[in-house]
Amino acid sequence: MVLQQYIEGIEAKQIAIQKFKHDYQNILLSINGFILTEDWEGLKQYMLTVNTASNFLTEDTPALENLCKIRPTEIKIFLSEKLITAKKTSKHISASFEARGEVSHFPIDSVTLVRMLGIILDNAVEALAELSRGHLAVICHKVEEGVIITIQNNCAKDMPTLNQLKQYGFSTKGKGRGHGLNILADLVNTHPNVTLSTSISEGIFAQMLVLWNTSL
């Protein structure tokens, strides 16, 4: 029984690696675009992101298997980059990704989705960095009506209320900060097929982004 489970685990990892290698064909196409336009600085930054994603995926089998369920390459790489950033912040900070069902596409353009997730994940990583401990969990749930993305992280027990956080310009980090959640709210409000819910409970900050299929 143990040997069978070991073999199945190895096979699953091999399949996941093969899928990610397949995604590199799309990555190569993106690289070709940088070369054709001679955008060398853009290519440099893109390759740093790709290398980070590749290292994270090959080191973490569960994340590799789950991220391979996310078909859009640009979203997959973006998520892996944010997860490894969280893990690098402190040895006492962990990160995980779970995909419940394969996601072949998101019912929103990739640029807007990256902007939304970027704000949520950056805030989560900052909160964990302030604590120097905790866990970042990203769950992507494919449902018939669309895609649900839930992001949870540990936060300080004396964290401001949701009403305070939603005030324009409010920030615990000083003057000139605190616009991220307002930008996120604006993005959500300008996309009728997107809803966002936020909660704080027992030291856990959670945000659930629901992307509804536009055909409904």
C-alpha atoms as a PDB file:
ATOM      1  CA  MET A   1       0.000   0.000   0.000  1.00  0.00           C
ATOM      2  CA  VAL A   2       2.766   2.462   0.930  1.00  0.00           C
ATOM      3  CA  LEU A   3       4.730   1.617  -2.224  1.00  0.00           C
ATOM      4  CA  GLN A   4       1.598   2.088  -4.357  1.00  0.00           C
ATOM      5  CA  GLN A   5       0.949   5.510  -2.820  1.00  0.00           C
ATOM      6  CA  TYR A   6       4.577   6.475  -3.420  1.00  0.00           C
ATOM      7  CA  ILE A   7       4.365   5.431  -7.078  1.00  0.00           C
ATOM      8  CA  GLU A   8       1.099   7.324  -7.537  1.00  0.00           C
ATOM      9  CA  GLY A   9       2.675  10.405  -5.977  1.00  0.00           C
ATOM     10  CA  ILE A  10       5.645  10.254  -8.357  1.00  0.00           C
ATOM     11  CA  GLU A  11       3.350   9.782 -11.351  1.00  0.00           C
ATOM     12  CA  ALA A  12       1.204  12.731 -10.303  1.00  0.00           C
ATOM     13  CA  LYS A  13       4.260  14.936  -9.992  1.00  0.00           C
ATOM     14  CA  GLN A  14       5.525  13.865 -13.410  1.00  0.00           C
ATOM     15  CA  ILE A  15       2.173  14.682 -15.001  1.00  0.00           C
ATOM     16  CA  ALA A  16       2.109  18.086 -13.311  1.00  0.00           C
ATOM     17  CA  ILE A  17       5.638  18.863 -14.491  1.00  0.00           C
ATOM     18  CA  GLN A  18       4.719  17.841 -18.043  1.00  0.00           C
ATOM     19  CA  LYS A  19       1.751  20.200 -17.960  1.00  0.00           C
ATOM     20  CA  PHE A  20       3.884  23.068 -16.730  1.00  0.00           C
ATOM     21  CA  LYS A  21       6.501  22.351 -19.405  1.00  0.00           C
ATOM     22  CA  HIS A  22       3.716  22.595 -21.954  1.00  0.00           C
ATOM     23  CA  ASP A  23       2.907  26.050 -20.604  1.00  0.00           C
ATOM     24  CA  TYR A  24       6.454  27.097 -21.369  1.00  0.00           C
ATOM     25  CA  GLN A  25       5.519  27.068 -25.044  1.00  0.00           C
ATOM     26  CA  ASN A  26       3.273  30.021 -24.302  1.00  0.00           C
ATOM     27  CA  ILE A  27       6.019  31.587 -22.217  1.00  0.00           C
ATOM     28  CA  LEU A  28       8.406  31.314 -25.165  1.00  0.00           C
ATOM     29  CA  LEU A  29       5.864  33.106 -27.345  1.00  0.00           C
ATOM     30  CA  SER A  30       5.772  35.926 -24.800  1.00  0.00           C
ATOM     31  CA  ILE A  31       9.564  36.081 -24.762  1.00  0.00           C
ATOM     32  CA  ASN A  32       9.548  36.314 -28.562  1.00  0.00           C
ATOM     33  CA  GLY A  33       7.282  39.361 -28.256  1.00  0.00           C
ATOM     34  CA  PHE A  34       9.808  41.132 -26.015  1.00  0.00           C
ATOM     35  CA  ILE A  35      12.603  40.309 -28.476  1.00  0.00           C
ATOM     36  CA  LEU A  36      10.693  41.537 -31.531  1.00  0.00           C
ATOM     37  CA  THR A  37       9.994  44.863 -29.839  1.00  0.00           C
ATOM     38  CA  GLU A  38      13.538  44.980 -28.354  1.00  0.00           C
ATOM     39  CA  ASP A  39      12.065  45.542 -24.907  1.00  0.00           C
ATOM     40  CA  TRP A  40      15.126  44.223 -23.069  1.00  0.00           C
ATOM     41  CA  GLU A  41      14.212  45.653 -19.665  1.00  0.00           C
ATOM     42  CA  GLY A  42      10.732  44.151 -19.922  1.00  0.00           C
ATOM     43  CA  LEU A  43      12.266  40.814 -20.929  1.00  0.00           C
ATOM     44  CA  LYS A  44      14.611  40.913 -17.948  1.00  0.00           C
ATOM     45  CA  GLN A  45      11.765  41.464 -15.492  1.00  0.00           C
ATOM     46  CA  TYR A  46       9.621  38.819 -17.174  1.00  0.00           C
ATOM     47  CA  MET A  47      12.379  36.221 -16.973  1.00  0.00           C
ATOM     48  CA  LEU A  48      12.896  36.923 -13.274  1.00  0.00           C
ATOM     49  CA  THR A  49       9.203  36.220 -12.750  1.00  0.00           C
ATOM     50  CA  VAL A  50       9.332  33.020 -14.811  1.00  0.00           C
ATOM     51  CA  ASN A  51      12.403  31.730 -12.938  1.00  0.00           C
ATOM     52  CA  THR A  52      10.780  32.448  -9.586  1.00  0.00           C
ATOM     53  CA  ALA A  53       7.625  30.613 -10.607  1.00  0.00           C
ATOM     54  CA  SER A  54       9.583  27.646 -11.953  1.00  0.00           C
ATOM     55  CA  ASN A  55      11.670  27.260  -8.797  1.00  0.00           C
ATOM     56  CA  PHE A  56       8.623  27.463  -6.558  1.00  0.00           C
ATOM     57  CA  LEU A  57       6.647  24.918  -8.546  1.00  0.00           C
ATOM     58  CA  THR A  58       9.392  22.314  -8.793  1.00  0.00           C
ATOM     59  CA  GLU A  59      10.060  22.545  -5.043  1.00  0.00           C
ATOM     60  CA  ASP A  60       6.440  22.324  -3.900  1.00  0.00           C
ATOM     61  CA  THR A  61       4.576  19.333  -5.342  1.00  0.00           C
ATOM     62  CA  PRO A  62       1.060  20.198  -4.037  1.00  0.00           C
ATOM     63  CA  ALA A  63       1.328  23.758  -5.368  1.00  0.00           C
ATOM     64  CA  LEU A  64       2.670  22.412  -8.669  1.00  0.00           C
ATOM     65  CA  GLU A  65      -0.246  20.023  -9.086  1.00  0.00           C
ATOM     66  CA  ASN A  66      -2.820  22.662  -8.161  1.00  0.00           C
ATOM     67  CA  LEU A  67      -1.384  25.551 -10.165  1.00  0.00           C
ATOM     68  CA  CYS A  68      -1.318  23.315 -13.225  1.00  0.00           C
ATOM     69  CA  LYS A  69      -5.126  23.353 -13.009  1.00  0.00           C
ATOM     70  CA  ILE A  70      -5.011  27.077 -13.839  1.00  0.00           C
ATOM     71  CA  ARG A  71      -4.739  27.196 -17.612  1.00  0.00           C
ATOM     72  CA  PRO A  72      -4.024  30.896 -18.338  1.00  0.00           C
ATOM     73  CA  THR A  73      -0.227  30.987 -18.118  1.00  0.00           C
ATOM     74  CA  GLU A  74       0.012  34.640 -17.095  1.00  0.00           C
ATOM     75  CA  ILE A  75      -2.301  34.076 -14.094  1.00  0.00           C
ATOM     76  CA  LYS A  76      -0.471  30.900 -13.100  1.00  0.00           C
ATOM     77  CA  ILE A  77       2.919  32.633 -13.104  1.00  0.00           C
ATOM     78  CA  PHE A  78       1.538  35.672 -11.284  1.00  0.00           C
ATOM     79  CA  LEU A  79       0.070  33.543  -8.493  1.00  0.00           C
ATOM     80  CA  SER A  80       3.236  31.494  -8.068  1.00  0.00           C
ATOM     81  CA  GLU A  81       5.311  34.678  -7.844  1.00  0.00           C
ATOM     82  CA  LYS A  82       3.114  36.094  -5.078  1.00  0.00           C
ATOM     83  CA  LEU A  83       3.154  32.815  -3.153  1.00  0.00           C
ATOM     84  CA  ILE A  84       6.931  32.549  -3.208  1.00  0.00           C
ATOM     85  CA  THR A  85       7.203  36.224  -2.202  1.00  0.00           C
ATOM     86  CA  ALA A  86       5.137  35.470   0.881  1.00  0.00           C
ATOM     87  CA  LYS A  87       7.259  32.437   1.771  1.00  0.00           C
ATOM     88  CA  LYS A  88      10.485  34.409   1.366  1.00  0.00           C
ATOM     89  CA  THR A  89       9.318  37.116   3.760  1.00  0.00           C
ATOM     90  CA  SER A  90      10.023  35.005   6.841  1.00  0.00           C
ATOM     91  CA  LYS A  91      10.823  31.390   7.665  1.00  0.00           C
ATOM     92  CA  HIS A  92       7.757  31.496   9.914  1.00  0.00           C
ATOM     93  CA  ILE A  93       5.434  32.386   7.030  1.00  0.00           C
ATOM     94  CA  SER A  94       3.920  29.685   4.840  1.00  0.00           C
ATOM     95  CA  ALA A  95       1.787  29.847   1.714  1.00  0.00           C
ATOM     96  CA  SER A  96      -0.493  27.431  -0.079  1.00  0.00           C
ATOM     97  CA  PHE A  97      -2.589  27.259  -3.220  1.00  0.00           C
ATOM     98  CA  GLU A  98      -5.593  25.034  -3.820  1.00  0.00           C
ATOM     99  CA  ALA A  99      -7.553  24.645  -7.046  1.00  0.00           C
ATOM    100  CA  ARG A 100     -10.954  22.991  -6.869  1.00  0.00           C
ATOM    101  CA  GLY A 101     -11.532  22.120 -10.487  1.00  0.00           C
ATOM    102  CA  GLU A 102      -9.630  23.122 -13.631  1.00  0.00           C
ATOM    103  CA  VAL A 103      -9.961  26.738 -14.746  1.00  0.00           C
ATOM    104  CA  SER A 104      -9.518  27.081 -18.504  1.00  0.00           C
ATOM    105  CA  HIS A 105     -10.346  30.789 -18.459  1.00  0.00           C
ATOM    106  CA  PHE A 106     -11.518  33.566 -16.155  1.00  0.00           C
ATOM    107  CA  PRO A 107     -14.620  35.615 -17.058  1.00  0.00           C
ATOM    108  CA  ILE A 108     -12.598  38.834 -16.889  1.00  0.00           C
ATOM    109  CA  ASP A 109      -9.528  40.125 -18.741  1.00  0.00           C
ATOM    110  CA  SER A 110      -6.165  39.090 -17.318  1.00  0.00           C
ATOM    111  CA  VAL A 111      -4.889  42.644 -16.769  1.00  0.00           C
ATOM    112  CA  THR A 112      -7.838  43.575 -14.553  1.00  0.00           C
ATOM    113  CA  LEU A 113      -7.684  40.276 -12.684  1.00  0.00           C
ATOM    114  CA  VAL A 114      -3.961  40.718 -11.990  1.00  0.00           C
ATOM    115  CA  ARG A 115      -4.602  44.255 -10.715  1.00  0.00           C
ATOM    116  CA  MET A 116      -7.315  43.014  -8.362  1.00  0.00           C
ATOM    117  CA  LEU A 117      -5.382  40.024  -7.082  1.00  0.00           C
ATOM    118  CA  GLY A 118      -2.212  42.105  -6.852  1.00  0.00           C
ATOM    119  CA  ILE A 119      -3.795  44.519  -4.393  1.00  0.00           C
ATOM    120  CA  ILE A 120      -5.277  41.727  -2.280  1.00  0.00           C
ATOM    121  CA  LEU A 121      -2.116  39.615  -2.226  1.00  0.00           C
ATOM    122  CA  ASP A 122       0.251  42.545  -1.631  1.00  0.00           C
ATOM    123  CA  ASN A 123      -1.824  43.599   1.365  1.00  0.00           C
ATOM    124  CA  ALA A 124      -1.827  40.011   2.634  1.00  0.00           C
ATOM    125  CA  VAL A 125       1.957  39.707   2.344  1.00  0.00           C
ATOM    126  CA  GLU A 126       2.446  43.068   4.099  1.00  0.00           C
ATOM    127  CA  ALA A 127       0.184  41.974   6.957  1.00  0.00           C
ATOM    128  CA  LEU A 128       2.107  38.728   7.369  1.00  0.00           C
ATOM    129  CA  ALA A 129       5.437  40.581   7.197  1.00  0.00           C
ATOM    130  CA  GLU A 130       4.340  42.821  10.070  1.00  0.00           C
ATOM    131  CA  LEU A 131       3.517  39.736  12.129  1.00  0.00           C
ATOM    132  CA  SER A 132       6.644  37.866  10.915  1.00  0.00           C
ATOM    133  CA  ARG A 133       4.551  34.716  11.013  1.00  0.00           C
ATOM    134  CA  GLY A 134       1.330  33.209   9.712  1.00  0.00           C
ATOM    135  CA  HIS A 135      -0.109  31.625   6.604  1.00  0.00           C
ATOM    136  CA  LEU A 136      -1.326  32.838   3.233  1.00  0.00           C
ATOM    137  CA  ALA A 137      -3.961  30.637   1.614  1.00  0.00           C
ATOM    138  CA  VAL A 138      -5.253  31.087  -1.930  1.00  0.00           C
ATOM    139  CA  ILE A 139      -8.184  28.941  -3.049  1.00  0.00           C
ATOM    140  CA  CYS A 140      -9.538  28.977  -6.599  1.00  0.00           C
ATOM    141  CA  HIS A 141     -12.920  27.288  -6.901  1.00  0.00           C
ATOM    142  CA  LYS A 142     -14.441  26.588 -10.333  1.00  0.00           C
ATOM    143  CA  VAL A 143     -18.231  26.525 -10.189  1.00  0.00           C
ATOM    144  CA  GLU A 144     -20.930  26.418 -12.835  1.00  0.00           C
ATOM    145  CA  GLU A 145     -21.661  30.131 -12.388  1.00  0.00           C
ATOM    146  CA  GLY A 146     -18.019  31.239 -12.681  1.00  0.00           C
ATOM    147  CA  VAL A 147     -14.866  31.264 -10.561  1.00  0.00           C
ATOM    148  CA  ILE A 148     -14.488  32.022  -6.848  1.00  0.00           C
ATOM    149  CA  ILE A 149     -11.078  33.128  -5.562  1.00  0.00           C
ATOM    150  CA  THR A 150     -10.647  33.247  -1.795  1.00  0.00           C
ATOM    151  CA  ILE A 151      -7.545  34.708  -0.154  1.00  0.00           C
ATOM    152  CA  GLN A 152      -6.955  34.385   3.586  1.00  0.00           C
ATOM    153  CA  ASN A 153      -4.104  35.524   5.804  1.00  0.00           C
ATOM    154  CA  ASN A 154      -3.328  36.020   9.467  1.00  0.00           C
ATOM    155  CA  CYS A 155      -3.605  39.611  10.644  1.00  0.00           C
ATOM    156  CA  ALA A 156      -3.028  41.638  13.796  1.00  0.00           C
ATOM    157  CA  LYS A 157      -5.718  41.299  16.459  1.00  0.00           C
ATOM    158  CA  ASP A 158      -5.914  45.088  16.776  1.00  0.00           C
ATOM    159  CA  MET A 159      -6.466  45.527  13.052  1.00  0.00           C
ATOM    160  CA  PRO A 160      -8.704  48.496  12.091  1.00  0.00           C
ATOM    161  CA  THR A 161     -12.347  47.821  11.287  1.00  0.00           C
ATOM    162  CA  LEU A 162     -13.543  47.226   7.735  1.00  0.00           C
ATOM    163  CA  ASN A 163     -15.214  50.651   7.688  1.00  0.00           C
ATOM    164  CA  GLN A 164     -11.885  52.297   8.526  1.00  0.00           C
ATOM    165  CA  LEU A 165     -10.000  50.285   5.933  1.00  0.00           C
ATOM    166  CA  LYS A 166     -12.456  51.312   3.227  1.00  0.00           C
ATOM    167  CA  GLN A 167     -11.994  55.035   3.931  1.00  0.00           C
ATOM    168  CA  TYR A 168     -10.047  56.717   1.145  1.00  0.00           C
ATOM    169  CA  GLY A 169      -6.427  57.284   2.129  1.00  0.00           C
ATOM    170  CA  PHE A 170      -6.682  55.471   5.459  1.00  0.00           C
ATOM    171  CA  SER A 171      -3.537  53.509   6.248  1.00  0.00           C
ATOM    172  CA  THR A 172      -1.558  52.279   9.223  1.00  0.00           C
ATOM    173  CA  LYS A 173       1.624  52.705   7.162  1.00  0.00           C
ATOM    174  CA  GLY A 174       1.732  56.494   7.090  1.00  0.00           C
ATOM    175  CA  LYS A 175       0.792  59.365   4.802  1.00  0.00           C
ATOM    176  CA  GLY A 176       0.425  58.692   1.093  1.00  0.00           C
ATOM    177  CA  ARG A 177      -0.621  55.061   1.533  1.00  0.00           C
ATOM    178  CA  GLY A 178      -3.972  53.339   1.859  1.00  0.00           C
ATOM    179  CA  HIS A 179      -5.317  53.717  -1.682  1.00  0.00           C
ATOM    180  CA  GLY A 180      -5.133  50.020  -2.640  1.00  0.00           C
ATOM    181  CA  LEU A 181      -8.525  48.969  -1.297  1.00  0.00           C
ATOM    182  CA  ASN A 182     -10.159  52.015  -2.877  1.00  0.00           C
ATOM    183  CA  ILE A 183      -8.650  51.156  -6.245  1.00  0.00           C
ATOM    184  CA  LEU A 184      -9.818  47.574  -5.768  1.00  0.00           C
ATOM    185  CA  ALA A 185     -13.338  48.775  -4.964  1.00  0.00           C
ATOM    186  CA  ASP A 186     -13.362  50.944  -8.098  1.00  0.00           C
ATOM    187  CA  LEU A 187     -12.259  47.992 -10.236  1.00  0.00           C
ATOM    188  CA  VAL A 188     -14.978  45.800  -8.765  1.00  0.00           C
ATOM    189  CA  ASN A 189     -17.657  48.474  -9.193  1.00  0.00           C
ATOM    190  CA  THR A 190     -16.803  48.963 -12.876  1.00  0.00           C
ATOM    191  CA  HIS A 191     -17.231  45.239 -13.610  1.00  0.00           C
ATOM    192  CA  PRO A 192     -20.851  44.143 -13.094  1.00  0.00           C
ATOM    193  CA  ASN A 193     -19.897  40.444 -13.170  1.00  0.00           C
ATOM    194  CA  VAL A 194     -17.497  40.797 -10.215  1.00  0.00           C
ATOM    195  CA  THR A 195     -18.361  40.842  -6.514  1.00  0.00           C
ATOM    196  CA  LEU A 196     -16.067  41.133  -3.505  1.00  0.00           C
ATOM    197  CA  SER A 197     -16.734  40.283   0.124  1.00  0.00           C
ATOM    198  CA  THR A 198     -14.348  40.941   3.006  1.00  0.00           C
ATOM    199  CA  SER A 199     -14.309  39.669   6.577  1.00  0.00           C
ATOM    200  CA  ILE A 200     -12.117  39.811   9.674  1.00  0.00           C
ATOM    201  CA  SER A 201     -12.588  37.112  12.291  1.00  0.00           C
ATOM    202  CA  GLU A 202     -10.315  35.765  15.032  1.00  0.00           C
ATOM    203  CA  GLY A 203      -7.116  37.091  13.513  1.00  0.00           C
ATOM    204  CA  ILE A 204      -7.958  35.984   9.957  1.00  0.00           C
ATOM    205  CA  PHE A 205      -8.452  38.498   7.147  1.00  0.00           C
ATOM    206  CA  ALA A 206     -10.371  36.990   4.231  1.00  0.00           C
ATOM    207  CA  GLN A 207     -11.424  38.330   0.856  1.00  0.00           C
ATOM    208  CA  MET A 208     -13.585  36.439  -1.608  1.00  0.00           C
ATOM    209  CA  LEU A 209     -13.581  37.554  -5.225  1.00  0.00           C
ATOM    210  CA  VAL A 210     -16.402  36.088  -7.318  1.00  0.00           C
ATOM    211  CA  LEU A 211     -16.118  36.282 -11.112  1.00  0.00           C
ATOM    212  CA  TRP A 212     -19.513  35.513 -12.623  1.00  0.00           C
ATOM    213  CA  ASN A 213     -19.840  34.173 -16.155  1.00  0.00           C
ATOM    214  CA  THR A 214     -21.088  37.009 -18.350  1.00  0.00           C
ATOM    215  CA  SER A 215     -23.397  34.642 -20.231  1.00  0.00           C
ATOM    216  CA  LEU A 216     -25.600  34.160 -17.149  1.00  0.00           C
END
